[in-house]
Amino acid sequence: MNVWVEQRLAAARAVVGQLVEEYPGSPVWMTGPVACGIAHARSDVDLRVLFHDGPVPVLQSRIVDGVRVDLEAQAASEADELRGYLRQFHILGYDVDLFRTVRRRLPALTVLRTARAMHDGQQPVLDQAERDVYRRWALADRVQHAISLVEDLDGLFQAGLSNAVDLVAGQLHLAVQQAENVAAGHPLLGDKWTPVLAGAPTPTAASVHQALRQARARLLAALLTVWPETAAPDGQAPDDWLEAGWLPQRYSDGWRLKFADATIRLTPGQLAAWHQALHS
């Protein structure tokens, strides 16, 4: 824990003491990066007060020893509704409406994922099962984002729009790193925290083709961290499956390769054959 985190925890505890007196019976959660034990020299603290009854008040930020403490009021019923999405991970290839809903709510779910109950020794609000479901939703989101970026990257490259290619390649690198962070158990925090959570930096690819190959391998490794497979290779992966644009994806109904709007369903054995072919 660095000095910046320690300062912000002290400020948070001071404001929590005030809130307990002002709103007795209302739980207070600390959320965001500070709740995850990371902060920089200008970081704010995020506190959330839950209200079980009556209208939710508007809360004003406070300053403690030069540290800004942002306050957010939330109805307890809304927090309970969000937790409902963390009961199970469920995406089917032919029905992704729930996935679209969860992707829209992912920022709010990330707040919940980082939340620590200040009245309970700063224990995580979510239990381990809920945190694991969050990890699956967040990883699926980052993989889907990477698939969209690869489609853009392919189109831009074919059109010769080199400046845009460089921009999207950088976004793909970030999305893959976020997928790796999520697979490792971290919440999906803002972009600036991605390299901090990653620890060791990952070199940026020198070419578009290399960027696609790296994305493919690293996303598969992240997915296999969350959904391990032990099946033996089944046959040999066709050559066209090895084109750099194909990325792996895992839904509730199994594995697939995805490139733009094209989909190839895979058995675990076919996935193992594809994985083996990538390293041959």
C-alpha atoms as a PDB file:
ATOM      1  CA  MET A   1       0.000   0.000   0.000  1.00  0.00           C
ATOM      2  CA  ASN A   2       1.518   3.338  -1.032  1.00  0.00           C
ATOM      3  CA  VAL A   3       1.288   6.646   0.797  1.00  0.00           C
ATOM      4  CA  TRP A   4      -1.408   7.918  -1.556  1.00  0.00           C
ATOM      5  CA  VAL A   5      -3.698   5.033  -0.665  1.00  0.00           C
ATOM      6  CA  GLU A   6      -3.039   5.451   3.052  1.00  0.00           C
ATOM      7  CA  GLN A   7      -3.945   9.143   2.908  1.00  0.00           C
ATOM      8  CA  ARG A   8      -7.176   8.390   1.072  1.00  0.00           C
ATOM      9  CA  LEU A   9      -8.185   5.613   3.431  1.00  0.00           C
ATOM     10  CA  ALA A  10      -7.728   8.010   6.352  1.00  0.00           C
ATOM     11  CA  ALA A  11      -9.903  10.603   4.588  1.00  0.00           C
ATOM     12  CA  ALA A  12     -12.515   7.952   3.821  1.00  0.00           C
ATOM     13  CA  ARG A  13     -12.700   6.808   7.437  1.00  0.00           C
ATOM     14  CA  ALA A  14     -13.149  10.398   8.603  1.00  0.00           C
ATOM     15  CA  VAL A  15     -16.062  10.990   6.229  1.00  0.00           C
ATOM     16  CA  VAL A  16     -17.613   7.612   7.033  1.00  0.00           C
ATOM     17  CA  GLY A  17     -17.692   8.653  10.686  1.00  0.00           C
ATOM     18  CA  GLN A  18     -19.682  11.749   9.686  1.00  0.00           C
ATOM     19  CA  LEU A  19     -22.054   9.780   7.454  1.00  0.00           C
ATOM     20  CA  VAL A  20     -22.850   7.242  10.168  1.00  0.00           C
ATOM     21  CA  GLU A  21     -24.080  10.069  12.367  1.00  0.00           C
ATOM     22  CA  GLU A  22     -25.936  11.861   9.577  1.00  0.00           C
ATOM     23  CA  TYR A  23     -27.600   8.782   8.070  1.00  0.00           C
ATOM     24  CA  PRO A  24     -27.866   6.131  10.790  1.00  0.00           C
ATOM     25  CA  GLY A  25     -28.654   2.687   9.476  1.00  0.00           C
ATOM     26  CA  SER A  26     -27.448   3.458   5.945  1.00  0.00           C
ATOM     27  CA  PRO A  27     -24.508   1.272   4.863  1.00  0.00           C
ATOM     28  CA  VAL A  28     -21.486   3.055   3.422  1.00  0.00           C
ATOM     29  CA  TRP A  29     -19.355   1.452   0.734  1.00  0.00           C
ATOM     30  CA  MET A  30     -15.982   2.554  -0.575  1.00  0.00           C
ATOM     31  CA  THR A  31     -15.690   1.890  -4.305  1.00  0.00           C
ATOM     32  CA  GLY A  32     -13.315   2.454  -7.189  1.00  0.00           C
ATOM     33  CA  PRO A  33      -9.524   2.234  -7.443  1.00  0.00           C
ATOM     34  CA  VAL A  34      -8.811   3.257  -3.831  1.00  0.00           C
ATOM     35  CA  ALA A  35     -11.026   0.395  -2.666  1.00  0.00           C
ATOM     36  CA  CYS A  36      -8.799  -1.859  -4.785  1.00  0.00           C
ATOM     37  CA  GLY A  37      -5.677  -0.512  -3.085  1.00  0.00           C
ATOM     38  CA  ILE A  38      -4.398   1.720  -5.891  1.00  0.00           C
ATOM     39  CA  ALA A  39      -4.229   5.499  -6.134  1.00  0.00           C
ATOM     40  CA  HIS A  40      -2.111   8.275  -7.572  1.00  0.00           C
ATOM     41  CA  ALA A  41      -1.160  11.633  -6.090  1.00  0.00           C
ATOM     42  CA  ARG A  42      -4.420  13.302  -7.257  1.00  0.00           C
ATOM     43  CA  SER A  43      -6.883  10.455  -6.741  1.00  0.00           C
ATOM     44  CA  ASP A  44     -10.315  11.136  -5.293  1.00  0.00           C
ATOM     45  CA  VAL A  45     -12.074   8.757  -2.923  1.00  0.00           C
ATOM     46  CA  ASP A  46     -15.458   7.304  -3.874  1.00  0.00           C
ATOM     47  CA  LEU A  47     -17.990   6.580  -1.131  1.00  0.00           C
ATOM     48  CA  ARG A  48     -21.493   5.256  -1.747  1.00  0.00           C
ATOM     49  CA  VAL A  49     -24.318   5.520   0.800  1.00  0.00           C
ATOM     50  CA  LEU A  50     -27.193   3.048   0.474  1.00  0.00           C
ATOM     51  CA  PHE A  51     -30.731   4.083   1.440  1.00  0.00           C
ATOM     52  CA  HIS A  52     -33.380   1.457   2.148  1.00  0.00           C
ATOM     53  CA  ASP A  53     -36.384   3.753   2.493  1.00  0.00           C
ATOM     54  CA  GLY A  54     -37.617   7.078   1.219  1.00  0.00           C
ATOM     55  CA  PRO A  55     -36.171   9.330  -1.466  1.00  0.00           C
ATOM     56  CA  VAL A  56     -32.453   9.164  -2.146  1.00  0.00           C
ATOM     57  CA  PRO A  57     -30.832  12.476  -1.173  1.00  0.00           C
ATOM     58  CA  VAL A  58     -28.261  14.415  -3.170  1.00  0.00           C
ATOM     59  CA  LEU A  59     -24.898  14.217  -1.393  1.00  0.00           C
ATOM     60  CA  GLN A  60     -22.132  16.781  -1.696  1.00  0.00           C
ATOM     61  CA  SER A  61     -18.434  15.973  -2.013  1.00  0.00           C
ATOM     62  CA  ARG A  62     -16.193  16.757   0.942  1.00  0.00           C
ATOM     63  CA  ILE A  63     -12.525  17.664   1.349  1.00  0.00           C
ATOM     64  CA  VAL A  64     -10.448  16.084   4.113  1.00  0.00           C
ATOM     65  CA  ASP A  65      -6.797  17.118   4.467  1.00  0.00           C
ATOM     66  CA  GLY A  66      -6.695  18.086   0.812  1.00  0.00           C
ATOM     67  CA  VAL A  67      -8.277  14.814  -0.370  1.00  0.00           C
ATOM     68  CA  ARG A  68     -11.570  15.034  -2.226  1.00  0.00           C
ATOM     69  CA  VAL A  69     -14.166  12.481  -1.114  1.00  0.00           C
ATOM     70  CA  ASP A  70     -16.936  12.078  -3.673  1.00  0.00           C
ATOM     71  CA  LEU A  71     -20.264  10.893  -2.270  1.00  0.00           C
ATOM     72  CA  GLU A  72     -22.913   8.982  -4.201  1.00  0.00           C
ATOM     73  CA  ALA A  73     -26.326   8.043  -2.860  1.00  0.00           C
ATOM     74  CA  GLN A  74     -27.976   4.879  -4.113  1.00  0.00           C
ATOM     75  CA  ALA A  75     -31.218   3.082  -3.363  1.00  0.00           C
ATOM     76  CA  ALA A  76     -30.492  -0.303  -1.814  1.00  0.00           C
ATOM     77  CA  SER A  77     -33.053  -1.819  -4.192  1.00  0.00           C
ATOM     78  CA  GLU A  78     -30.956  -0.677  -7.182  1.00  0.00           C
ATOM     79  CA  ALA A  79     -27.859  -2.327  -5.726  1.00  0.00           C
ATOM     80  CA  ASP A  80     -29.853  -5.530  -5.211  1.00  0.00           C
ATOM     81  CA  GLU A  81     -31.042  -5.399  -8.831  1.00  0.00           C
ATOM     82  CA  LEU A  82     -27.445  -5.114 -10.027  1.00  0.00           C
ATOM     83  CA  ARG A  83     -26.397  -8.080  -7.898  1.00  0.00           C
ATOM     84  CA  GLY A  84     -29.049 -10.095  -9.690  1.00  0.00           C
ATOM     85  CA  TYR A  85     -26.918 -10.019 -12.837  1.00  0.00           C
ATOM     86  CA  LEU A  86     -24.142 -11.712 -10.888  1.00  0.00           C
ATOM     87  CA  ARG A  87     -26.120 -14.830 -10.015  1.00  0.00           C
ATOM     88  CA  GLN A  88     -25.023 -16.596 -13.177  1.00  0.00           C
ATOM     89  CA  PHE A  89     -23.186 -16.082 -16.445  1.00  0.00           C
ATOM     90  CA  HIS A  90     -25.461 -16.943 -19.349  1.00  0.00           C
ATOM     91  CA  ILE A  91     -24.896 -16.081 -23.016  1.00  0.00           C
ATOM     92  CA  LEU A  92     -26.173 -18.122 -25.937  1.00  0.00           C
ATOM     93  CA  GLY A  93     -25.034 -17.573 -29.497  1.00  0.00           C
ATOM     94  CA  TYR A  94     -28.601 -17.194 -30.748  1.00  0.00           C
ATOM     95  CA  ASP A  95     -29.805 -15.006 -27.856  1.00  0.00           C
ATOM     96  CA  VAL A  96     -27.481 -12.246 -26.641  1.00  0.00           C
ATOM     97  CA  ASP A  97     -30.064  -9.798 -25.309  1.00  0.00           C
ATOM     98  CA  LEU A  98     -28.955 -10.386 -21.712  1.00  0.00           C
ATOM     99  CA  PHE A  99     -25.329  -9.901 -22.754  1.00  0.00           C
ATOM    100  CA  ARG A 100     -26.180  -6.548 -24.307  1.00  0.00           C
ATOM    101  CA  THR A 101     -27.947  -5.514 -21.097  1.00  0.00           C
ATOM    102  CA  VAL A 102     -25.043  -6.579 -18.903  1.00  0.00           C
ATOM    103  CA  ARG A 103     -22.565  -4.774 -21.154  1.00  0.00           C
ATOM    104  CA  ARG A 104     -24.550  -1.547 -20.709  1.00  0.00           C
ATOM    105  CA  ARG A 105     -24.584  -2.071 -16.942  1.00  0.00           C
ATOM    106  CA  LEU A 106     -20.952  -3.140 -16.674  1.00  0.00           C
ATOM    107  CA  PRO A 107     -19.684   0.209 -15.307  1.00  0.00           C
ATOM    108  CA  ALA A 108     -22.245  -0.018 -12.491  1.00  0.00           C
ATOM    109  CA  LEU A 109     -21.388  -3.680 -11.944  1.00  0.00           C
ATOM    110  CA  THR A 110     -17.718  -2.736 -11.741  1.00  0.00           C
ATOM    111  CA  VAL A 111     -18.541  -0.235  -8.989  1.00  0.00           C
ATOM    112  CA  LEU A 112     -20.269  -3.075  -7.160  1.00  0.00           C
ATOM    113  CA  ARG A 113     -17.323  -5.387  -7.808  1.00  0.00           C
ATOM    114  CA  THR A 114     -14.923  -2.912  -6.162  1.00  0.00           C
ATOM    115  CA  ALA A 115     -17.243  -2.074  -3.248  1.00  0.00           C
ATOM    116  CA  ARG A 116     -16.062  -2.621   0.306  1.00  0.00           C
ATOM    117  CA  ALA A 117     -18.390  -2.270   3.283  1.00  0.00           C
ATOM    118  CA  MET A 118     -16.917   0.360   5.592  1.00  0.00           C
ATOM    119  CA  HIS A 119     -19.050  -0.833   8.526  1.00  0.00           C
ATOM    120  CA  ASP A 120     -17.687  -4.366   8.158  1.00  0.00           C
ATOM    121  CA  GLY A 121     -13.940  -3.955   8.292  1.00  0.00           C
ATOM    122  CA  GLN A 122     -13.761  -2.996   4.617  1.00  0.00           C
ATOM    123  CA  GLN A 123     -14.797  -6.475   3.535  1.00  0.00           C
ATOM    124  CA  PRO A 124     -15.790  -6.963  -0.131  1.00  0.00           C
ATOM    125  CA  VAL A 125     -19.513  -6.526  -0.693  1.00  0.00           C
ATOM    126  CA  LEU A 126     -19.655  -9.361  -3.228  1.00  0.00           C
ATOM    127  CA  ASP A 127     -18.974 -12.951  -2.270  1.00  0.00           C
ATOM    128  CA  GLN A 128     -16.545 -15.108  -4.230  1.00  0.00           C
ATOM    129  CA  ALA A 129     -19.246 -16.658  -6.424  1.00  0.00           C
ATOM    130  CA  GLU A 130     -20.526 -13.217  -7.449  1.00  0.00           C
ATOM    131  CA  ARG A 131     -16.997 -12.020  -8.133  1.00  0.00           C
ATOM    132  CA  ASP A 132     -16.406 -15.041 -10.359  1.00  0.00           C
ATOM    133  CA  VAL A 133     -19.574 -14.348 -12.370  1.00  0.00           C
ATOM    134  CA  TYR A 134     -18.479 -10.713 -12.738  1.00  0.00           C
ATOM    135  CA  ARG A 135     -15.113 -11.942 -14.049  1.00  0.00           C
ATOM    136  CA  ARG A 136     -16.872 -13.993 -16.744  1.00  0.00           C
ATOM    137  CA  TRP A 137     -19.127 -11.126 -17.842  1.00  0.00           C
ATOM    138  CA  ALA A 138     -16.228  -8.661 -17.922  1.00  0.00           C
ATOM    139  CA  LEU A 139     -13.993 -11.035 -19.868  1.00  0.00           C
ATOM    140  CA  ALA A 140     -16.765 -11.741 -22.383  1.00  0.00           C
ATOM    141  CA  ASP A 141     -17.198  -7.977 -22.774  1.00  0.00           C
ATOM    142  CA  ARG A 142     -13.505  -7.372 -23.473  1.00  0.00           C
ATOM    143  CA  VAL A 143     -13.362 -10.262 -25.951  1.00  0.00           C
ATOM    144  CA  GLN A 144     -16.394  -8.897 -27.795  1.00  0.00           C
ATOM    145  CA  HIS A 145     -14.787  -5.451 -27.830  1.00  0.00           C
ATOM    146  CA  ALA A 146     -11.593  -6.954 -29.258  1.00  0.00           C
ATOM    147  CA  ILE A 147     -13.595  -8.752 -31.959  1.00  0.00           C
ATOM    148  CA  SER A 148     -15.159  -5.427 -32.987  1.00  0.00           C
ATOM    149  CA  LEU A 149     -11.762  -3.735 -33.051  1.00  0.00           C
ATOM    150  CA  VAL A 150     -10.271  -6.487 -35.226  1.00  0.00           C
ATOM    151  CA  GLU A 151     -13.109  -6.026 -37.710  1.00  0.00           C
ATOM    152  CA  ASP A 152     -12.347  -2.282 -37.832  1.00  0.00           C
ATOM    153  CA  LEU A 153      -8.630  -2.958 -38.072  1.00  0.00           C
ATOM    154  CA  ASP A 154      -9.102  -5.290 -41.024  1.00  0.00           C
ATOM    155  CA  GLY A 155     -11.305  -2.785 -42.850  1.00  0.00           C
ATOM    156  CA  LEU A 156      -8.990   0.142 -42.196  1.00  0.00           C
ATOM    157  CA  PHE A 157      -5.936  -1.832 -43.286  1.00  0.00           C
ATOM    158  CA  GLN A 158      -7.583  -2.849 -46.544  1.00  0.00           C
ATOM    159  CA  ALA A 159      -8.550   0.799 -47.147  1.00  0.00           C
ATOM    160  CA  GLY A 160      -4.983   1.966 -46.538  1.00  0.00           C
ATOM    161  CA  LEU A 161      -5.958   4.309 -43.686  1.00  0.00           C
ATOM    162  CA  SER A 162      -2.663   3.923 -41.850  1.00  0.00           C
ATOM    163  CA  ASN A 163      -3.171   6.600 -39.179  1.00  0.00           C
ATOM    164  CA  ALA A 164      -6.475   5.064 -38.140  1.00  0.00           C
ATOM    165  CA  VAL A 165      -4.908   1.595 -38.233  1.00  0.00           C
ATOM    166  CA  ASP A 166      -2.297   2.702 -35.692  1.00  0.00           C
ATOM    167  CA  LEU A 167      -4.999   4.159 -33.444  1.00  0.00           C
ATOM    168  CA  VAL A 168      -7.193   1.048 -33.501  1.00  0.00           C
ATOM    169  CA  ALA A 169      -4.185  -1.239 -33.047  1.00  0.00           C
ATOM    170  CA  GLY A 170      -3.424   0.669 -29.842  1.00  0.00           C
ATOM    171  CA  GLN A 171      -7.022   0.241 -28.703  1.00  0.00           C
ATOM    172  CA  LEU A 172      -6.807  -3.490 -29.414  1.00  0.00           C
ATOM    173  CA  HIS A 173      -3.625  -3.753 -27.340  1.00  0.00           C
ATOM    174  CA  LEU A 174      -5.454  -2.060 -24.444  1.00  0.00           C
ATOM    175  CA  ALA A 175      -8.545  -4.273 -24.784  1.00  0.00           C
ATOM    176  CA  VAL A 176      -6.440  -7.439 -24.727  1.00  0.00           C
ATOM    177  CA  GLN A 177      -4.518  -6.243 -21.689  1.00  0.00           C
ATOM    178  CA  GLN A 178      -7.823  -5.513 -19.945  1.00  0.00           C
ATOM    179  CA  ALA A 179      -9.016  -9.034 -20.797  1.00  0.00           C
ATOM    180  CA  GLU A 180      -5.871 -10.438 -19.199  1.00  0.00           C
ATOM    181  CA  ASN A 181      -6.382  -8.274 -16.111  1.00  0.00           C
ATOM    182  CA  VAL A 182      -9.977  -9.437 -15.743  1.00  0.00           C
ATOM    183  CA  ALA A 183      -8.989 -13.087 -16.205  1.00  0.00           C
ATOM    184  CA  ALA A 184      -6.432 -12.590 -13.423  1.00  0.00           C
ATOM    185  CA  GLY A 185      -9.233 -11.463 -11.092  1.00  0.00           C
ATOM    186  CA  HIS A 186      -9.029  -7.677 -11.343  1.00  0.00           C
ATOM    187  CA  PRO A 187     -12.057  -5.434 -11.875  1.00  0.00           C
ATOM    188  CA  LEU A 188     -12.430  -3.583 -15.166  1.00  0.00           C
ATOM    189  CA  LEU A 189     -11.235  -0.164 -14.014  1.00  0.00           C
ATOM    190  CA  GLY A 190     -10.600   2.875 -16.225  1.00  0.00           C
ATOM    191  CA  ASP A 191      -8.075   2.739 -19.053  1.00  0.00           C
ATOM    192  CA  LYS A 192      -5.348   4.517 -17.121  1.00  0.00           C
ATOM    193  CA  TRP A 193      -5.270   1.730 -14.537  1.00  0.00           C
ATOM    194  CA  THR A 194      -4.885  -1.036 -17.128  1.00  0.00           C
ATOM    195  CA  PRO A 195      -1.051  -1.047 -17.205  1.00  0.00           C
ATOM    196  CA  VAL A 196      -0.920  -0.589 -13.425  1.00  0.00           C
ATOM    197  CA  LEU A 197      -3.017  -3.719 -12.853  1.00  0.00           C
ATOM    198  CA  ALA A 198      -1.099  -5.607 -15.536  1.00  0.00           C
ATOM    199  CA  GLY A 199       2.203  -5.158 -13.746  1.00  0.00           C
ATOM    200  CA  ALA A 200       4.846  -6.028 -16.343  1.00  0.00           C
ATOM    201  CA  PRO A 201       4.328  -4.107 -19.614  1.00  0.00           C
ATOM    202  CA  THR A 202       3.512  -6.032 -22.793  1.00  0.00           C
ATOM    203  CA  PRO A 203       5.393  -4.873 -25.918  1.00  0.00           C
ATOM    204  CA  THR A 204       3.245  -3.277 -28.603  1.00  0.00           C
ATOM    205  CA  ALA A 205       3.155  -5.244 -31.854  1.00  0.00           C
ATOM    206  CA  ALA A 206       5.319  -3.938 -34.705  1.00  0.00           C
ATOM    207  CA  SER A 207       2.763  -4.661 -37.447  1.00  0.00           C
ATOM    208  CA  VAL A 208      -0.964  -5.179 -37.910  1.00  0.00           C
ATOM    209  CA  HIS A 209      -0.449  -8.871 -38.621  1.00  0.00           C
ATOM    210  CA  GLN A 210       1.631  -9.283 -35.481  1.00  0.00           C
ATOM    211  CA  ALA A 211      -0.971  -7.353 -33.456  1.00  0.00           C
ATOM    212  CA  LEU A 212      -3.691  -9.747 -34.612  1.00  0.00           C
ATOM    213  CA  ARG A 213      -1.588 -12.826 -33.831  1.00  0.00           C
ATOM    214  CA  GLN A 214      -0.740 -11.485 -30.368  1.00  0.00           C
ATOM    215  CA  ALA A 215      -4.368 -10.629 -29.654  1.00  0.00           C
ATOM    216  CA  ARG A 216      -5.480 -14.108 -30.699  1.00  0.00           C
ATOM    217  CA  ALA A 217      -2.953 -15.911 -28.494  1.00  0.00           C
ATOM    218  CA  ARG A 218      -3.368 -13.673 -25.462  1.00  0.00           C
ATOM    219  CA  LEU A 219      -7.166 -13.723 -25.555  1.00  0.00           C
ATOM    220  CA  LEU A 220      -7.175 -17.493 -25.789  1.00  0.00           C
ATOM    221  CA  ALA A 221      -4.846 -17.692 -22.782  1.00  0.00           C
ATOM    222  CA  ALA A 222      -7.158 -15.373 -20.818  1.00  0.00           C
ATOM    223  CA  LEU A 223     -10.235 -17.390 -21.755  1.00  0.00           C
ATOM    224  CA  LEU A 224      -8.566 -20.665 -20.812  1.00  0.00           C
ATOM    225  CA  THR A 225      -7.695 -19.179 -17.424  1.00  0.00           C
ATOM    226  CA  VAL A 226     -11.405 -18.748 -16.730  1.00  0.00           C
ATOM    227  CA  TRP A 227     -12.701 -21.769 -18.706  1.00  0.00           C
ATOM    228  CA  PRO A 228      -9.944 -24.419 -18.551  1.00  0.00           C
ATOM    229  CA  GLU A 229     -10.097 -27.214 -21.136  1.00  0.00           C
ATOM    230  CA  THR A 230      -8.422 -30.611 -20.975  1.00  0.00           C
ATOM    231  CA  ALA A 231      -9.710 -32.167 -24.219  1.00  0.00           C
ATOM    232  CA  ALA A 232      -7.187 -33.711 -26.591  1.00  0.00           C
ATOM    233  CA  PRO A 233      -6.883 -32.208 -30.091  1.00  0.00           C
ATOM    234  CA  ASP A 234      -9.560 -33.536 -32.428  1.00  0.00           C
ATOM    235  CA  GLY A 235      -8.188 -33.725 -35.944  1.00  0.00           C
ATOM    236  CA  GLN A 236      -6.358 -30.851 -37.604  1.00  0.00           C
ATOM    237  CA  ALA A 237      -7.580 -27.258 -37.749  1.00  0.00           C
ATOM    238  CA  PRO A 238      -8.261 -26.132 -41.351  1.00  0.00           C
ATOM    239  CA  ASP A 239      -5.826 -23.570 -42.710  1.00  0.00           C
ATOM    240  CA  ASP A 240      -8.507 -20.888 -43.063  1.00  0.00           C
ATOM    241  CA  TRP A 241      -9.163 -21.070 -39.293  1.00  0.00           C
ATOM    242  CA  LEU A 242      -5.594 -19.888 -38.779  1.00  0.00           C
ATOM    243  CA  GLU A 243      -6.061 -16.558 -40.529  1.00  0.00           C
ATOM    244  CA  ALA A 244      -5.064 -13.799 -38.147  1.00  0.00           C
ATOM    245  CA  GLY A 245      -8.511 -12.201 -37.902  1.00  0.00           C
ATOM    246  CA  TRP A 246     -10.166 -15.147 -36.142  1.00  0.00           C
ATOM    247  CA  LEU A 247     -10.467 -14.629 -32.384  1.00  0.00           C
ATOM    248  CA  PRO A 248     -11.653 -17.144 -29.780  1.00  0.00           C
ATOM    249  CA  GLN A 249     -14.865 -16.582 -27.862  1.00  0.00           C
ATOM    250  CA  ARG A 250     -16.565 -18.502 -25.054  1.00  0.00           C
ATOM    251  CA  TYR A 251     -20.322 -18.391 -24.419  1.00  0.00           C
ATOM    252  CA  SER A 252     -22.442 -20.577 -22.163  1.00  0.00           C
ATOM    253  CA  ASP A 253     -23.100 -22.940 -25.079  1.00  0.00           C
ATOM    254  CA  GLY A 254     -19.433 -23.476 -25.858  1.00  0.00           C
ATOM    255  CA  TRP A 255     -16.478 -22.253 -27.873  1.00  0.00           C
ATOM    256  CA  ARG A 256     -16.394 -20.477 -31.200  1.00  0.00           C
ATOM    257  CA  LEU A 257     -14.124 -18.514 -33.484  1.00  0.00           C
ATOM    258  CA  LYS A 258     -15.333 -15.101 -34.520  1.00  0.00           C
ATOM    259  CA  PHE A 259     -14.254 -12.765 -37.319  1.00  0.00           C
ATOM    260  CA  ALA A 260     -16.595  -9.847 -38.064  1.00  0.00           C
ATOM    261  CA  ASP A 261     -20.020 -11.445 -38.672  1.00  0.00           C
ATOM    262  CA  ALA A 262     -18.663 -14.944 -39.363  1.00  0.00           C
ATOM    263  CA  THR A 263     -18.782 -17.613 -36.638  1.00  0.00           C
ATOM    264  CA  ILE A 264     -17.297 -21.099 -36.391  1.00  0.00           C
ATOM    265  CA  ARG A 265     -18.603 -23.323 -33.594  1.00  0.00           C
ATOM    266  CA  LEU A 266     -15.904 -25.450 -31.941  1.00  0.00           C
ATOM    267  CA  THR A 267     -15.947 -28.539 -29.783  1.00  0.00           C
ATOM    268  CA  PRO A 268     -13.350 -28.615 -26.990  1.00  0.00           C
ATOM    269  CA  GLY A 269     -11.327 -31.022 -29.125  1.00  0.00           C
ATOM    270  CA  GLN A 270     -11.446 -28.691 -32.130  1.00  0.00           C
ATOM    271  CA  LEU A 271     -10.401 -25.800 -29.901  1.00  0.00           C
ATOM    272  CA  ALA A 272      -7.438 -27.868 -28.723  1.00  0.00           C
ATOM    273  CA  ALA A 273      -6.533 -28.623 -32.362  1.00  0.00           C
ATOM    274  CA  TRP A 274      -6.753 -24.918 -33.235  1.00  0.00           C
ATOM    275  CA  HIS A 275      -4.643 -24.031 -30.204  1.00  0.00           C
ATOM    276  CA  GLN A 276      -2.073 -26.634 -31.192  1.00  0.00           C
ATOM    277  CA  ALA A 277      -1.971 -25.373 -34.789  1.00  0.00           C
ATOM    278  CA  LEU A 278      -1.332 -21.823 -33.636  1.00  0.00           C
ATOM    279  CA  HIS A 279       1.883 -22.964 -31.946  1.00  0.00           C
ATOM    280  CA  SER A 280       3.099 -25.323 -34.644  1.00  0.00           C
END
